[in-house]
């Protein structure tokens, strides 16, 4: 029972870290990153279809995304979907491919984004601490129900804290890497 609690805790913390990485992947760093297009979907034969399922997305240059639709007749719809999205980049359509040129970030904007990254990191840590609290509450309930002894409870609480510390370090590392990427000119 206690090993399942520890395993679930570790899994939830890992998911929180992965979620943070996905969120940070959506923040533009002045470089082309295909993940900024992940939330864009296009109406294709009456069905909303994710852009990455109906086209090939490549990065021919550091600041250029090239979208090549599998079906050339849908290029106008893809163009409209990108223009109406929240990515803030105007597409350049030549009839066969769409190019998105990622604008260079100003230093001020880089610093703003770095602060935003820090906030995402703090939110992820709050989630991890909530997971720790849930795990410890579950362990205390087991001790109260006489499933585990008080000594086992202390040992398991230390293990949960070790998992929490490891996850927090991972989050700090993820945030530091993203901040470094943003502040790099």
C-alpha atoms as a PDB file:
ATOM      1  CA  UNK A   1       0.000   0.000   0.000  1.00  0.00           C
ATOM      2  CA  UNK A   2       2.701   2.487   0.980  1.00  0.00           C
ATOM      3  CA  UNK A   3       4.766   1.673  -2.132  1.00  0.00           C
ATOM      4  CA  UNK A   4       1.740   2.495  -4.311  1.00  0.00           C
ATOM      5  CA  UNK A   5       1.439   5.859  -2.572  1.00  0.00           C
ATOM      6  CA  UNK A   6       5.146   6.537  -3.224  1.00  0.00           C
ATOM      7  CA  UNK A   7       4.882   5.405  -6.870  1.00  0.00           C
ATOM      8  CA  UNK A   8       1.771   7.533  -7.470  1.00  0.00           C
ATOM      9  CA  UNK A   9       3.505  10.503  -5.848  1.00  0.00           C
ATOM     10  CA  UNK A  10       6.556  10.085  -8.072  1.00  0.00           C
ATOM     11  CA  UNK A  11       4.348   9.734 -11.193  1.00  0.00           C
ATOM     12  CA  UNK A  12       2.330  12.854 -10.348  1.00  0.00           C
ATOM     13  CA  UNK A  13       5.499  14.868  -9.725  1.00  0.00           C
ATOM     14  CA  UNK A  14       6.982  13.688 -13.026  1.00  0.00           C
ATOM     15  CA  UNK A  15       3.762  14.723 -14.793  1.00  0.00           C
ATOM     16  CA  UNK A  16       3.983  18.175 -13.175  1.00  0.00           C
ATOM     17  CA  UNK A  17       7.544  18.532 -14.530  1.00  0.00           C
ATOM     18  CA  UNK A  18       6.458  17.387 -18.014  1.00  0.00           C
ATOM     19  CA  UNK A  19       3.538  19.818 -17.936  1.00  0.00           C
ATOM     20  CA  UNK A  20       5.943  22.645 -17.070  1.00  0.00           C
ATOM     21  CA  UNK A  21       8.168  21.683 -20.010  1.00  0.00           C
ATOM     22  CA  UNK A  22       5.181  21.711 -22.371  1.00  0.00           C
ATOM     23  CA  UNK A  23       4.082  25.135 -21.096  1.00  0.00           C
ATOM     24  CA  UNK A  24       7.578  26.557 -21.470  1.00  0.00           C
ATOM     25  CA  UNK A  25       7.837  25.078 -24.960  1.00  0.00           C
ATOM     26  CA  UNK A  26       5.007  27.372 -26.008  1.00  0.00           C
ATOM     27  CA  UNK A  27       6.967  30.476 -25.007  1.00  0.00           C
ATOM     28  CA  UNK A  28       8.754  31.871 -28.033  1.00  0.00           C
ATOM     29  CA  UNK A  29      12.436  32.505 -27.495  1.00  0.00           C
ATOM     30  CA  UNK A  30      13.131  34.249 -30.789  1.00  0.00           C
ATOM     31  CA  UNK A  31      13.886  30.857 -32.333  1.00  0.00           C
ATOM     32  CA  UNK A  32      11.743  28.655 -34.484  1.00  0.00           C
ATOM     33  CA  UNK A  33      10.052  25.959 -32.416  1.00  0.00           C
ATOM     34  CA  UNK A  34       7.345  23.773 -33.950  1.00  0.00           C
ATOM     35  CA  UNK A  35       5.555  23.430 -30.589  1.00  0.00           C
ATOM     36  CA  UNK A  36       4.132  26.966 -30.953  1.00  0.00           C
ATOM     37  CA  UNK A  37       1.823  25.474 -33.604  1.00  0.00           C
ATOM     38  CA  UNK A  38       0.577  22.612 -31.382  1.00  0.00           C
ATOM     39  CA  UNK A  39      -2.661  24.345 -30.406  1.00  0.00           C
ATOM     40  CA  UNK A  40      -3.616  25.339 -33.959  1.00  0.00           C
ATOM     41  CA  UNK A  41      -6.252  23.247 -35.668  1.00  0.00           C
ATOM     42  CA  UNK A  42      -7.744  23.695 -39.126  1.00  0.00           C
ATOM     43  CA  UNK A  43     -11.163  22.737 -40.437  1.00  0.00           C
ATOM     44  CA  UNK A  44     -10.525  19.944 -42.912  1.00  0.00           C
ATOM     45  CA  UNK A  45     -13.549  18.309 -44.567  1.00  0.00           C
ATOM     46  CA  UNK A  46     -15.748  19.566 -41.755  1.00  0.00           C
ATOM     47  CA  UNK A  47     -13.526  18.282 -38.940  1.00  0.00           C
ATOM     48  CA  UNK A  48     -11.172  20.335 -36.741  1.00  0.00           C
ATOM     49  CA  UNK A  49      -7.776  18.716 -37.365  1.00  0.00           C
ATOM     50  CA  UNK A  50      -4.504  19.621 -35.604  1.00  0.00           C
ATOM     51  CA  UNK A  51      -2.122  21.399 -37.991  1.00  0.00           C
ATOM     52  CA  UNK A  52       0.718  18.966 -37.266  1.00  0.00           C
ATOM     53  CA  UNK A  53      -1.469  16.060 -38.491  1.00  0.00           C
ATOM     54  CA  UNK A  54      -2.187  17.611 -41.864  1.00  0.00           C
ATOM     55  CA  UNK A  55       1.203  19.058 -42.737  1.00  0.00           C
ATOM     56  CA  UNK A  56       4.922  18.675 -42.370  1.00  0.00           C
ATOM     57  CA  UNK A  57       6.498  21.329 -40.137  1.00  0.00           C
ATOM     58  CA  UNK A  58      10.222  21.927 -40.653  1.00  0.00           C
ATOM     59  CA  UNK A  59      12.782  24.458 -39.469  1.00  0.00           C
ATOM     60  CA  UNK A  60      14.973  25.366 -42.477  1.00  0.00           C
ATOM     61  CA  UNK A  61      16.634  28.277 -40.613  1.00  0.00           C
ATOM     62  CA  UNK A  62      16.990  29.243 -36.942  1.00  0.00           C
ATOM     63  CA  UNK A  63      14.104  31.709 -37.068  1.00  0.00           C
ATOM     64  CA  UNK A  64      11.879  30.208 -39.784  1.00  0.00           C
ATOM     65  CA  UNK A  65       9.132  27.571 -39.565  1.00  0.00           C
ATOM     66  CA  UNK A  66       8.041  26.040 -42.851  1.00  0.00           C
ATOM     67  CA  UNK A  67       4.639  24.377 -43.066  1.00  0.00           C
ATOM     68  CA  UNK A  68       4.091  22.076 -46.048  1.00  0.00           C
ATOM     69  CA  UNK A  69       0.507  20.768 -46.197  1.00  0.00           C
ATOM     70  CA  UNK A  70       0.008  17.187 -47.388  1.00  0.00           C
ATOM     71  CA  UNK A  71      -3.036  18.411 -49.337  1.00  0.00           C
ATOM     72  CA  UNK A  72      -2.159  21.644 -51.212  1.00  0.00           C
ATOM     73  CA  UNK A  73      -5.830  22.634 -51.563  1.00  0.00           C
ATOM     74  CA  UNK A  74      -6.065  23.323 -47.811  1.00  0.00           C
ATOM     75  CA  UNK A  75      -3.234  25.908 -47.740  1.00  0.00           C
ATOM     76  CA  UNK A  76      -5.671  28.860 -47.585  1.00  0.00           C
ATOM     77  CA  UNK A  77      -7.461  27.366 -44.571  1.00  0.00           C
ATOM     78  CA  UNK A  78      -4.136  26.779 -42.800  1.00  0.00           C
ATOM     79  CA  UNK A  79      -3.142  30.390 -43.492  1.00  0.00           C
ATOM     80  CA  UNK A  80      -6.446  31.660 -42.009  1.00  0.00           C
ATOM     81  CA  UNK A  81      -6.084  29.414 -38.940  1.00  0.00           C
ATOM     82  CA  UNK A  82      -2.573  30.741 -38.234  1.00  0.00           C
ATOM     83  CA  UNK A  83      -3.689  34.358 -38.705  1.00  0.00           C
ATOM     84  CA  UNK A  84      -6.631  33.920 -36.322  1.00  0.00           C
ATOM     85  CA  UNK A  85      -4.498  32.120 -33.681  1.00  0.00           C
ATOM     86  CA  UNK A  86      -2.790  33.772 -30.719  1.00  0.00           C
ATOM     87  CA  UNK A  87       0.810  33.193 -31.862  1.00  0.00           C
ATOM     88  CA  UNK A  88       1.138  36.738 -33.203  1.00  0.00           C
ATOM     89  CA  UNK A  89       3.121  35.913 -36.360  1.00  0.00           C
ATOM     90  CA  UNK A  90       1.869  36.671 -39.847  1.00  0.00           C
ATOM     91  CA  UNK A  91       2.263  33.758 -42.239  1.00  0.00           C
ATOM     92  CA  UNK A  92       3.852  34.129 -45.665  1.00  0.00           C
ATOM     93  CA  UNK A  93       2.038  31.910 -48.186  1.00  0.00           C
ATOM     94  CA  UNK A  94       3.533  31.165 -51.621  1.00  0.00           C
ATOM     95  CA  UNK A  95       0.851  28.701 -52.732  1.00  0.00           C
ATOM     96  CA  UNK A  96       2.750  25.517 -51.841  1.00  0.00           C
ATOM     97  CA  UNK A  97       4.260  26.232 -48.410  1.00  0.00           C
ATOM     98  CA  UNK A  98       3.665  28.663 -45.558  1.00  0.00           C
ATOM     99  CA  UNK A  99       6.621  30.311 -43.868  1.00  0.00           C
ATOM    100  CA  UNK A 100       6.525  31.831 -40.405  1.00  0.00           C
ATOM    101  CA  UNK A 101       9.449  34.126 -39.629  1.00  0.00           C
ATOM    102  CA  UNK A 102       9.914  34.360 -35.870  1.00  0.00           C
ATOM    103  CA  UNK A 103      10.722  37.978 -34.974  1.00  0.00           C
ATOM    104  CA  UNK A 104      13.828  38.791 -32.951  1.00  0.00           C
ATOM    105  CA  UNK A 105      12.954  39.572 -29.313  1.00  0.00           C
ATOM    106  CA  UNK A 106      13.907  42.862 -27.704  1.00  0.00           C
ATOM    107  CA  UNK A 107      15.951  42.720 -24.507  1.00  0.00           C
ATOM    108  CA  UNK A 108      13.007  44.092 -22.542  1.00  0.00           C
ATOM    109  CA  UNK A 109      10.708  41.375 -23.924  1.00  0.00           C
ATOM    110  CA  UNK A 110      13.305  38.705 -23.135  1.00  0.00           C
ATOM    111  CA  UNK A 111      13.377  39.853 -19.498  1.00  0.00           C
ATOM    112  CA  UNK A 112       9.557  39.851 -19.323  1.00  0.00           C
ATOM    113  CA  UNK A 113       9.466  36.307 -20.698  1.00  0.00           C
ATOM    114  CA  UNK A 114      12.158  35.209 -18.213  1.00  0.00           C
ATOM    115  CA  UNK A 115       9.970  36.519 -15.355  1.00  0.00           C
ATOM    116  CA  UNK A 116       7.005  34.654 -16.832  1.00  0.00           C
ATOM    117  CA  UNK A 117       9.083  31.469 -16.936  1.00  0.00           C
ATOM    118  CA  UNK A 118       9.898  31.979 -13.248  1.00  0.00           C
ATOM    119  CA  UNK A 119       6.173  32.234 -12.458  1.00  0.00           C
ATOM    120  CA  UNK A 120       5.484  28.994 -14.329  1.00  0.00           C
ATOM    121  CA  UNK A 121       8.259  27.377 -12.293  1.00  0.00           C
ATOM    122  CA  UNK A 122       6.766  28.599  -9.015  1.00  0.00           C
ATOM    123  CA  UNK A 123       3.333  27.282 -10.028  1.00  0.00           C
ATOM    124  CA  UNK A 124       4.861  23.884 -10.792  1.00  0.00           C
ATOM    125  CA  UNK A 125       6.522  23.863  -7.347  1.00  0.00           C
ATOM    126  CA  UNK A 126       3.168  24.667  -5.721  1.00  0.00           C
ATOM    127  CA  UNK A 127       1.670  21.676  -7.551  1.00  0.00           C
ATOM    128  CA  UNK A 128       4.532  19.446  -6.338  1.00  0.00           C
ATOM    129  CA  UNK A 129       4.067  20.617  -2.741  1.00  0.00           C
ATOM    130  CA  UNK A 130       0.336  19.840  -3.037  1.00  0.00           C
ATOM    131  CA  UNK A 131       1.214  16.336  -4.242  1.00  0.00           C
ATOM    132  CA  UNK A 132       3.578  15.944  -1.274  1.00  0.00           C
ATOM    133  CA  UNK A 133       0.833  17.042   1.134  1.00  0.00           C
ATOM    134  CA  UNK A 134      -1.624  14.521  -0.376  1.00  0.00           C
ATOM    135  CA  UNK A 135       0.922  11.708  -0.052  1.00  0.00           C
ATOM    136  CA  UNK A 136       1.738  12.539   3.572  1.00  0.00           C
ATOM    137  CA  UNK A 137      -1.966  12.772   4.423  1.00  0.00           C
ATOM    138  CA  UNK A 138      -2.502   9.312   2.889  1.00  0.00           C
ATOM    139  CA  UNK A 139       0.425   7.911   4.878  1.00  0.00           C
ATOM    140  CA  UNK A 140      -0.872   9.452   8.129  1.00  0.00           C
ATOM    141  CA  UNK A 141      -4.261   7.855   7.463  1.00  0.00           C
ATOM    142  CA  UNK A 142      -2.523   4.458   7.079  1.00  0.00           C
ATOM    143  CA  UNK A 143      -0.733   5.024  10.388  1.00  0.00           C
ATOM    144  CA  UNK A 144      -3.987   6.077  12.073  1.00  0.00           C
ATOM    145  CA  UNK A 145      -5.675   2.928  10.737  1.00  0.00           C
ATOM    146  CA  UNK A 146      -2.755   0.891  12.185  1.00  0.00           C
ATOM    147  CA  UNK A 147      -1.668  -0.352   8.748  1.00  0.00           C
ATOM    148  CA  UNK A 148       1.840   1.047   9.291  1.00  0.00           C
ATOM    149  CA  UNK A 149       3.759   1.917  12.451  1.00  0.00           C
ATOM    150  CA  UNK A 150       4.843   5.386  13.527  1.00  0.00           C
ATOM    151  CA  UNK A 151       8.455   4.569  12.600  1.00  0.00           C
ATOM    152  CA  UNK A 152       7.405   3.446   9.117  1.00  0.00           C
ATOM    153  CA  UNK A 153       5.421   6.680   8.781  1.00  0.00           C
ATOM    154  CA  UNK A 154       8.548   8.765   9.551  1.00  0.00           C
ATOM    155  CA  UNK A 155      10.633   6.774   7.052  1.00  0.00           C
ATOM    156  CA  UNK A 156       7.971   7.090   4.340  1.00  0.00           C
ATOM    157  CA  UNK A 157       7.572  10.815   5.022  1.00  0.00           C
ATOM    158  CA  UNK A 158      11.321  11.210   4.486  1.00  0.00           C
ATOM    159  CA  UNK A 159      11.052   9.312   1.182  1.00  0.00           C
ATOM    160  CA  UNK A 160       8.204  11.587   0.061  1.00  0.00           C
ATOM    161  CA  UNK A 161      10.329  14.607   1.001  1.00  0.00           C
ATOM    162  CA  UNK A 162      13.247  13.176  -1.009  1.00  0.00           C
ATOM    163  CA  UNK A 163      10.943  12.804  -4.046  1.00  0.00           C
ATOM    164  CA  UNK A 164       9.736  16.377  -3.523  1.00  0.00           C
ATOM    165  CA  UNK A 165      13.288  17.737  -3.281  1.00  0.00           C
ATOM    166  CA  UNK A 166      14.287  15.892  -6.469  1.00  0.00           C
ATOM    167  CA  UNK A 167      11.270  17.181  -8.358  1.00  0.00           C
ATOM    168  CA  UNK A 168      11.907  20.739  -7.153  1.00  0.00           C
ATOM    169  CA  UNK A 169      15.511  20.508  -8.366  1.00  0.00           C
ATOM    170  CA  UNK A 170      14.292  19.282 -11.761  1.00  0.00           C
ATOM    171  CA  UNK A 171      11.846  22.191 -11.976  1.00  0.00           C
ATOM    172  CA  UNK A 172      14.620  24.663 -11.071  1.00  0.00           C
ATOM    173  CA  UNK A 173      16.806  23.130 -13.776  1.00  0.00           C
ATOM    174  CA  UNK A 174      14.038  23.309 -16.412  1.00  0.00           C
ATOM    175  CA  UNK A 175      13.349  26.958 -15.522  1.00  0.00           C
ATOM    176  CA  UNK A 176      17.058  27.884 -15.521  1.00  0.00           C
ATOM    177  CA  UNK A 177      17.544  26.305 -18.967  1.00  0.00           C
ATOM    178  CA  UNK A 178      14.569  28.176 -20.420  1.00  0.00           C
ATOM    179  CA  UNK A 179      15.647  31.489 -18.853  1.00  0.00           C
ATOM    180  CA  UNK A 180      19.149  30.986 -20.268  1.00  0.00           C
ATOM    181  CA  UNK A 181      17.666  30.269 -23.703  1.00  0.00           C
ATOM    182  CA  UNK A 182      15.521  33.423 -23.500  1.00  0.00           C
ATOM    183  CA  UNK A 183      18.287  35.753 -22.350  1.00  0.00           C
ATOM    184  CA  UNK A 184      20.754  34.437 -24.942  1.00  0.00           C
ATOM    185  CA  UNK A 185      21.051  36.935 -27.794  1.00  0.00           C
END
